[in-house]
C-alpha atoms as a PDB file:
ATOM      1  CA  MET A   1      77.980 108.165 -73.164  1.00  0.00           C
ATOM      2  CA  SER A   2      78.995 111.028 -70.801  1.00  0.00           C
ATOM      3  CA  ARG A   3      76.034 112.327 -69.248  1.00  0.00           C
ATOM      4  CA  LEU A   4      78.176 114.560 -66.365  1.00  0.00           C
ATOM      5  CA  LYS A   5      75.858 117.610 -65.555  1.00  0.00           C
ATOM      6  CA  LEU A   6      77.655 120.943 -65.289  1.00  0.00           C
ATOM      7  CA  LYS A   7      77.498 121.349 -61.756  1.00  0.00           C
ATOM      8  CA  ALA A   8      79.134 117.710 -61.130  1.00  0.00           C
ATOM      9  CA  LEU A   9      81.885 118.931 -63.722  1.00  0.00           C
ATOM     10  CA  GLU A  10      82.979 121.697 -61.837  1.00  0.00           C
ATOM     11  CA  GLN A  11      82.451 119.816 -58.327  1.00  0.00           C
ATOM     12  CA  ARG A  12      84.813 116.966 -59.834  1.00  0.00           C
ATOM     13  CA  LEU A  13      87.380 119.856 -61.077  1.00  0.00           C
ATOM     14  CA  GLN A  14      87.498 121.568 -57.382  1.00  0.00           C
ATOM     15  CA  ALA A  15      89.299 118.568 -56.100  1.00  0.00           C
ATOM     16  CA  LEU A  16      92.202 118.967 -58.643  1.00  0.00           C
ATOM     17  CA  GLU A  17      95.548 120.391 -56.965  1.00  0.00           C
ATOM     18  CA  ALA A  18      96.587 123.833 -58.633  1.00  0.00           C
ATOM     19  CA  PHE A  19      99.801 125.208 -59.337  1.00  0.00           C
ATOM     20  CA  GLU A  20     102.228 125.252 -56.373  1.00  0.00           C
ATOM     21  CA  THR A  21     104.353 128.110 -57.362  1.00  0.00           C
ATOM     22  CA  PRO A  22     103.552 130.265 -60.566  1.00  0.00           C
ATOM     23  CA  LYS A  23     105.779 131.422 -62.648  1.00  0.00           C
ATOM     24  CA  VAL A  24     105.629 135.324 -63.261  1.00  0.00           C
ATOM     25  CA  SER A  25     107.744 134.973 -66.572  1.00  0.00           C
ATOM     26  CA  LEU A  26     104.679 132.208 -68.045  1.00  0.00           C
ATOM     27  CA  GLU A  27     102.056 134.338 -67.073  1.00  0.00           C
ATOM     28  CA  GLN A  28     100.525 131.055 -65.039  1.00  0.00           C
ATOM     29  CA  TYR A  29      97.576 131.890 -63.645  1.00  0.00           C
ATOM     30  CA  ALA A  30      94.962 128.349 -62.471  1.00  0.00           C
ATOM     31  CA  THR A  31      91.586 128.203 -64.700  1.00  0.00           C
ATOM     32  CA  SER A  32      89.411 128.043 -61.890  1.00  0.00           C
ATOM     33  CA  PRO A  33      87.029 125.159 -62.080  1.00  0.00           C
ATOM     34  CA  HIS A  34      83.940 127.308 -62.392  1.00  0.00           C
ATOM     35  CA  ILE A  35      85.180 128.591 -65.859  1.00  0.00           C
ATOM     36  CA  ALA A  36      86.534 125.615 -66.821  1.00  0.00           C
ATOM     37  CA  ALA A  37      83.551 123.582 -66.610  1.00  0.00           C
ATOM     38  CA  ARG A  38      81.337 126.477 -67.803  1.00  0.00           C
ATOM     39  CA  LEU A  39      83.989 126.405 -70.853  1.00  0.00           C
ATOM     40  CA  LEU A  40      84.143 122.177 -71.897  1.00  0.00           C
ATOM     41  CA  HIS A  41      80.281 122.230 -70.838  1.00  0.00           C
ATOM     42  CA  THR A  42      79.223 124.571 -73.608  1.00  0.00           C
ATOM     43  CA  ALA A  43      81.537 123.062 -76.089  1.00  0.00           C
ATOM     44  CA  GLN A  44      79.848 119.881 -75.671  1.00  0.00           C
ATOM     45  CA  ALA A  45      76.277 120.463 -74.839  1.00  0.00           C
ATOM     46  CA  CYS A  46      75.956 123.336 -77.669  1.00  0.00           C
ATOM     47  CA  TYR A  47      78.317 122.062 -80.419  1.00  0.00           C
ATOM     48  CA  GLY A  48      78.813 118.449 -79.541  1.00  0.00           C
ATOM     49  CA  ASP A  49      82.509 118.918 -79.500  1.00  0.00           C
ATOM     50  CA  VAL A  50      83.892 117.143 -76.956  1.00  0.00           C
ATOM     51  CA  GLU A  51      82.236 113.779 -76.345  1.00  0.00           C
ATOM     52  CA  GLY A  52      84.131 110.932 -78.645  1.00  0.00           C
ATOM     53  CA  LYS A  53      86.468 113.756 -79.803  1.00  0.00           C
ATOM     54  CA  VAL A  54      90.249 114.321 -79.813  1.00  0.00           C
ATOM     55  CA  VAL A  55      91.001 117.102 -77.806  1.00  0.00           C
ATOM     56  CA  ALA A  56      94.248 119.408 -77.228  1.00  0.00           C
ATOM     57  CA  ASP A  57      94.755 121.422 -74.308  1.00  0.00           C
ATOM     58  CA  LEU A  58      97.576 124.286 -75.515  1.00  0.00           C
ATOM     59  CA  GLY A  59      99.389 125.707 -72.042  1.00  0.00           C
ATOM     60  CA  CYS A  60      97.435 122.913 -69.902  1.00  0.00           C
ATOM     61  CA  GLY A  61      98.985 123.895 -66.660  1.00  0.00           C
ATOM     62  CA  CYS A  62      98.043 121.821 -64.194  1.00  0.00           C
ATOM     63  CA  GLY A  63      95.626 120.156 -66.525  1.00  0.00           C
ATOM     64  CA  VAL A  64      92.431 121.516 -65.693  1.00  0.00           C
ATOM     65  CA  LEU A  65      90.719 121.449 -69.090  1.00  0.00           C
ATOM     66  CA  ALA A  66      92.237 118.334 -70.060  1.00  0.00           C
ATOM     67  CA  ALA A  67      90.849 116.674 -67.284  1.00  0.00           C
ATOM     68  CA  GLY A  68      87.446 118.210 -67.839  1.00  0.00           C
ATOM     69  CA  ALA A  69      87.232 117.078 -71.474  1.00  0.00           C
ATOM     70  CA  SER A  70      87.760 113.968 -70.612  1.00  0.00           C
ATOM     71  CA  LEU A  71      85.222 113.445 -67.846  1.00  0.00           C
ATOM     72  CA  LEU A  72      82.654 114.833 -70.394  1.00  0.00           C
ATOM     73  CA  GLY A  73      83.879 111.633 -72.724  1.00  0.00           C
ATOM     74  CA  ALA A  74      86.394 112.761 -74.619  1.00  0.00           C
ATOM     75  CA  GLY A  75      88.264 110.105 -76.894  1.00  0.00           C
ATOM     76  CA  ALA A  76      91.393 111.112 -76.032  1.00  0.00           C
ATOM     77  CA  CYS A  77      93.031 114.572 -74.900  1.00  0.00           C
ATOM     78  CA  VAL A  78      96.689 115.766 -74.877  1.00  0.00           C
ATOM     79  CA  GLY A  79      98.323 118.297 -72.889  1.00  0.00           C
ATOM     80  CA  PHE A  80     100.734 120.717 -74.069  1.00  0.00           C
ATOM     81  CA  ASP A  81     102.860 122.973 -71.928  1.00  0.00           C
ATOM     82  CA  VAL A  82     106.405 124.119 -71.594  1.00  0.00           C
ATOM     83  CA  ASP A  83     106.353 124.029 -67.490  1.00  0.00           C
ATOM     84  CA  ARG A  84     107.953 120.612 -66.238  1.00  0.00           C
ATOM     85  CA  ASP A  85     106.629 121.562 -62.796  1.00  0.00           C
ATOM     86  CA  ALA A  86     103.150 122.644 -63.992  1.00  0.00           C
ATOM     87  CA  LEU A  87     103.050 119.354 -65.959  1.00  0.00           C
ATOM     88  CA  ARG A  88     104.239 117.517 -62.918  1.00  0.00           C
ATOM     89  CA  VAL A  89     101.246 118.244 -61.023  1.00  0.00           C
ATOM     90  CA  ALA A  90      98.615 117.875 -64.218  1.00  0.00           C
ATOM     91  CA  ARG A  91     100.261 113.845 -64.375  1.00  0.00           C
ATOM     92  CA  ALA A  92      99.144 113.936 -60.757  1.00  0.00           C
ATOM     93  CA  ASN A  93      95.246 115.059 -61.485  1.00  0.00           C
ATOM     94  CA  VAL A  94      94.857 113.179 -64.842  1.00  0.00           C
ATOM     95  CA  GLU A  95      96.538 110.057 -63.349  1.00  0.00           C
ATOM     96  CA  GLU A  96      93.432 108.203 -62.953  1.00  0.00           C
ATOM     97  CA  LEU A  97      91.799 109.258 -66.207  1.00  0.00           C
ATOM     98  CA  GLY A  98      92.876 107.183 -68.250  1.00  0.00           C
ATOM     99  CA  ASN A  99      92.815 108.874 -71.807  1.00  0.00           C
ATOM    100  CA  VAL A 100      95.302 111.888 -71.120  1.00  0.00           C
ATOM    101  CA  ASP A 101      98.601 112.402 -72.487  1.00  0.00           C
ATOM    102  CA  LEU A 102     100.993 115.003 -71.337  1.00  0.00           C
ATOM    103  CA  VAL A 103     103.542 116.641 -73.669  1.00  0.00           C
ATOM    104  CA  GLU A 104     106.144 118.942 -72.794  1.00  0.00           C
ATOM    105  CA  CYS A 105     106.250 121.222 -75.736  1.00  0.00           C
ATOM    106  CA  ASP A 106     106.577 125.471 -76.436  1.00  0.00           C
ATOM    107  CA  VAL A 107     103.181 126.202 -77.710  1.00  0.00           C
ATOM    108  CA  ARG A 108     105.153 128.722 -79.932  1.00  0.00           C
ATOM    109  CA  LEU A 109     106.776 125.842 -81.828  1.00  0.00           C
ATOM    110  CA  LEU A 110     103.308 124.527 -83.057  1.00  0.00           C
ATOM    111  CA  SER A 111     102.683 127.710 -84.196  1.00  0.00           C
ATOM    112  CA  ALA A 112     105.901 128.359 -86.436  1.00  0.00           C
ATOM    113  CA  ALA A 113     106.316 125.006 -87.327  1.00  0.00           C
ATOM    114  CA  ASP A 114     106.184 124.206 -90.836  1.00  0.00           C
ATOM    115  CA  ASP A 115     102.552 122.294 -92.014  1.00  0.00           C
ATOM    116  CA  ASP A 116     104.850 119.168 -93.653  1.00  0.00           C
ATOM    117  CA  VAL A 117     106.343 119.281 -90.091  1.00  0.00           C
ATOM    118  CA  LEU A 118     103.446 119.463 -88.105  1.00  0.00           C
ATOM    119  CA  ASN A 119     101.796 116.062 -87.640  1.00  0.00           C
ATOM    120  CA  TRP A 120      99.483 116.480 -84.841  1.00  0.00           C
ATOM    121  CA  ARG A 121      96.066 116.994 -85.575  1.00  0.00           C
ATOM    122  CA  PHE A 122      92.973 117.185 -83.432  1.00  0.00           C
ATOM    123  CA  ASP A 123      89.229 117.991 -83.342  1.00  0.00           C
ATOM    124  CA  THR A 124      89.118 120.383 -80.860  1.00  0.00           C
ATOM    125  CA  VAL A 125      91.547 122.489 -79.046  1.00  0.00           C
ATOM    126  CA  VAL A 126      90.926 124.210 -75.707  1.00  0.00           C
ATOM    127  CA  MET A 127      93.243 126.954 -73.641  1.00  0.00           C
ATOM    128  CA  ASN A 128      93.523 129.489 -71.623  1.00  0.00           C
ATOM    129  CA  PRO A 129      96.698 131.090 -73.045  1.00  0.00           C
ATOM    130  CA  PRO A 130      98.565 133.671 -71.541  1.00  0.00           C
ATOM    131  CA  PHE A 131      97.019 136.939 -71.749  1.00  0.00           C
ATOM    132  CA  GLY A 132     100.208 138.673 -73.223  1.00  0.00           C
ATOM    133  CA  THR A 133      99.064 142.056 -73.034  1.00  0.00           C
ATOM    134  CA  LYS A 134     102.195 142.959 -70.661  1.00  0.00           C
ATOM    135  CA  ARG A 135     104.857 140.065 -70.488  1.00  0.00           C
ATOM    136  CA  ASN A 136     105.119 138.100 -73.695  1.00  0.00           C
ATOM    137  CA  ARG A 137     103.218 140.605 -75.507  1.00  0.00           C
ATOM    138  CA  GLY A 138     101.369 138.660 -78.518  1.00  0.00           C
ATOM    139  CA  LEU A 139     101.642 135.189 -76.748  1.00  0.00           C
ATOM    140  CA  ASP A 140      97.841 135.364 -76.641  1.00  0.00           C
ATOM    141  CA  MET A 141      97.679 135.097 -80.202  1.00  0.00           C
ATOM    142  CA  GLU A 142     100.419 132.482 -81.070  1.00  0.00           C
ATOM    143  CA  PHE A 143      98.417 130.376 -78.739  1.00  0.00           C
ATOM    144  CA  LEU A 144      95.334 131.102 -80.748  1.00  0.00           C
ATOM    145  CA  ARG A 145      96.900 130.217 -83.826  1.00  0.00           C
ATOM    146  CA  ALA A 146      98.864 126.909 -83.044  1.00  0.00           C
ATOM    147  CA  GLY A 147      95.392 126.164 -81.881  1.00  0.00           C
ATOM    148  CA  LEU A 148      94.040 126.811 -85.473  1.00  0.00           C
ATOM    149  CA  ARG A 149      96.475 124.892 -87.043  1.00  0.00           C
ATOM    150  CA  LEU A 150      95.751 122.060 -84.858  1.00  0.00           C
ATOM    151  CA  ALA A 151      92.280 121.683 -84.606  1.00  0.00           C
ATOM    152  CA  THR A 152      89.726 120.356 -87.219  1.00  0.00           C
ATOM    153  CA  CYS A 153      86.167 121.410 -85.517  1.00  0.00           C
ATOM    154  CA  ALA A 154      86.975 124.358 -83.752  1.00  0.00           C
ATOM    155  CA  VAL A 155      89.076 126.172 -80.587  1.00  0.00           C
ATOM    156  CA  TYR A 156      87.386 127.347 -77.384  1.00  0.00           C
ATOM    157  CA  SER A 157      90.129 130.297 -76.025  1.00  0.00           C
ATOM    158  CA  LEU A 158      89.502 132.453 -73.083  1.00  0.00           C
ATOM    159  CA  HIS A 159      90.917 136.431 -74.171  1.00  0.00           C
ATOM    160  CA  LYS A 160      90.975 139.511 -72.230  1.00  0.00           C
ATOM    161  CA  THR A 161      87.580 141.237 -73.090  1.00  0.00           C
ATOM    162  CA  SER A 162      89.690 144.522 -73.353  1.00  0.00           C
ATOM    163  CA  THR A 163      91.611 143.123 -76.836  1.00  0.00           C
ATOM    164  CA  ARG A 164      88.055 141.855 -78.201  1.00  0.00           C
ATOM    165  CA  ALA A 165      88.670 143.381 -81.309  1.00  0.00           C
ATOM    166  CA  HIS A 166      91.962 142.339 -82.028  1.00  0.00           C
ATOM    167  CA  VAL A 167      91.295 139.061 -81.361  1.00  0.00           C
ATOM    168  CA  LEU A 168      88.320 138.777 -84.285  1.00  0.00           C
ATOM    169  CA  ARG A 169      90.566 140.802 -86.471  1.00  0.00           C
ATOM    170  CA  LYS A 170      93.233 138.500 -85.939  1.00  0.00           C
ATOM    171  CA  ALA A 171      90.949 135.481 -86.522  1.00  0.00           C
ATOM    172  CA  ALA A 172      89.735 137.437 -89.882  1.00  0.00           C
ATOM    173  CA  ASP A 173      93.230 138.227 -90.992  1.00  0.00           C
ATOM    174  CA  TRP A 174      93.525 133.796 -90.755  1.00  0.00           C
ATOM    175  CA  GLY A 175      90.349 133.653 -93.023  1.00  0.00           C
ATOM    176  CA  ALA A 176      88.380 132.097 -89.792  1.00  0.00           C
ATOM    177  CA  GLU A 177      85.346 132.717 -87.951  1.00  0.00           C
ATOM    178  CA  ALA A 178      85.214 133.885 -84.321  1.00  0.00           C
ATOM    179  CA  ARG A 179      82.371 134.548 -82.046  1.00  0.00           C
ATOM    180  CA  VAL A 180      82.566 135.780 -78.625  1.00  0.00           C
ATOM    181  CA  LEU A 181      79.806 132.730 -76.465  1.00  0.00           C
ATOM    182  CA  ALA A 182      80.347 134.660 -73.108  1.00  0.00           C
ATOM    183  CA  GLU A 183      81.600 137.663 -71.182  1.00  0.00           C
ATOM    184  CA  LEU A 184      82.941 135.963 -67.816  1.00  0.00           C
ATOM    185  CA  ARG A 185      84.965 137.856 -64.665  1.00  0.00           C
ATOM    186  CA  PHE A 186      87.995 135.604 -64.203  1.00  0.00           C
ATOM    187  CA  ASP A 187      88.908 135.704 -60.515  1.00  0.00           C
ATOM    188  CA  LEU A 188      92.654 136.550 -60.127  1.00  0.00           C
ATOM    189  CA  PRO A 189      93.813 136.022 -57.127  1.00  0.00           C
ATOM    190  CA  ALA A 190      97.185 137.698 -55.798  1.00  0.00           C
ATOM    191  CA  SER A 191      99.458 135.160 -56.928  1.00  0.00           C
ATOM    192  CA  TYR A 192     103.201 137.273 -57.356  1.00  0.00           C
ATOM    193  CA  LYS A 193     105.143 139.566 -55.303  1.00  0.00           C
ATOM    194  CA  PHE A 194     103.766 142.781 -57.070  1.00  0.00           C
ATOM    195  CA  HIS A 195     100.294 141.836 -56.536  1.00  0.00           C
ATOM    196  CA  LYS A 196      98.723 144.612 -54.338  1.00  0.00           C
ATOM    197  CA  ARG A 197      95.454 143.222 -53.754  1.00  0.00           C
ATOM    198  CA  GLN A 198      93.905 139.924 -52.882  1.00  0.00           C
ATOM    199  CA  SER A 199      92.542 139.111 -55.985  1.00  0.00           C
ATOM    200  CA  VAL A 200      90.888 141.064 -59.068  1.00  0.00           C
ATOM    201  CA  ASP A 201      88.227 140.481 -61.111  1.00  0.00           C
ATOM    202  CA  VAL A 202      89.324 140.586 -65.183  1.00  0.00           C
ATOM    203  CA  ARG A 203      86.656 141.074 -67.786  1.00  0.00           C
ATOM    204  CA  VAL A 204      87.608 137.840 -69.829  1.00  0.00           C
ATOM    205  CA  ASP A 205      85.801 136.847 -73.112  1.00  0.00           C
ATOM    206  CA  PHE A 206      84.900 133.321 -74.096  1.00  0.00           C
ATOM    207  CA  VAL A 207      85.928 132.336 -77.676  1.00  0.00           C
ATOM    208  CA  ARG A 208      84.927 129.964 -80.031  1.00  0.00           C
ATOM    209  CA  VAL A 209      87.024 130.119 -83.192  1.00  0.00           C
ATOM    210  CA  TRP A 210      86.915 127.800 -86.258  1.00  0.00           C
ATOM    211  CA  PHE A 211      87.469 127.802 -90.337  1.00  0.00           C
ATOM    212  CA  PRO A 212      84.301 127.381 -92.219  1.00  0.00           C
ATOM    213  CA  ARG A 213      85.743 124.920 -94.485  1.00  0.00           C
ATOM    214  CA  LYS A 214      86.641 122.534 -91.570  1.00  0.00           C
ATOM    215  CA  ASN A 215      83.300 123.182 -89.556  1.00  0.00           C
ATOM    216  CA  LYS A 216      79.737 123.316 -90.449  1.00  0.00           C
END
């Protein structure tokens, strides 16, 4: 049984490597250890959705959420990402954990695949998807849809607070229930040439989404 406390989890995640060269075309922003630890700790402490579960991390990037789930006692974790360079960093981050696998895969294919082709099933899906508000518009909803197709318990995801009404409406359209568990401040450091400030705080919703028929 994992007894790792919130502060200890955040400290462990702080030791992980981040993106070497983030790619603007993929809207790559690292999930901070502070936010990742709180997302995962809430999923476990409030819902029991991590320890002993099979967990997927969609758009795993450098593997922070997958690593955190492993540290909280997940039975197995699989991270999916389209970027080979990010997965190279992720492999270094999770190599000592033993129960994390990484798959090079475009998450959009998981969203669009037929049910009889989609053989992967997970108890819980966690993710920090691209915001999808400027580049790759709507990509956040493709990630969420893919997560709901894969998860038998729930999806835990981060979305810009400004898109809250849209996220909740789309979840309802899919027959799912969605609950905003917290509103967080996502500190985005200057990562690309077009950034004019050293960092900017973005209001982000931490959302739990599930199908009532699948979950308690």
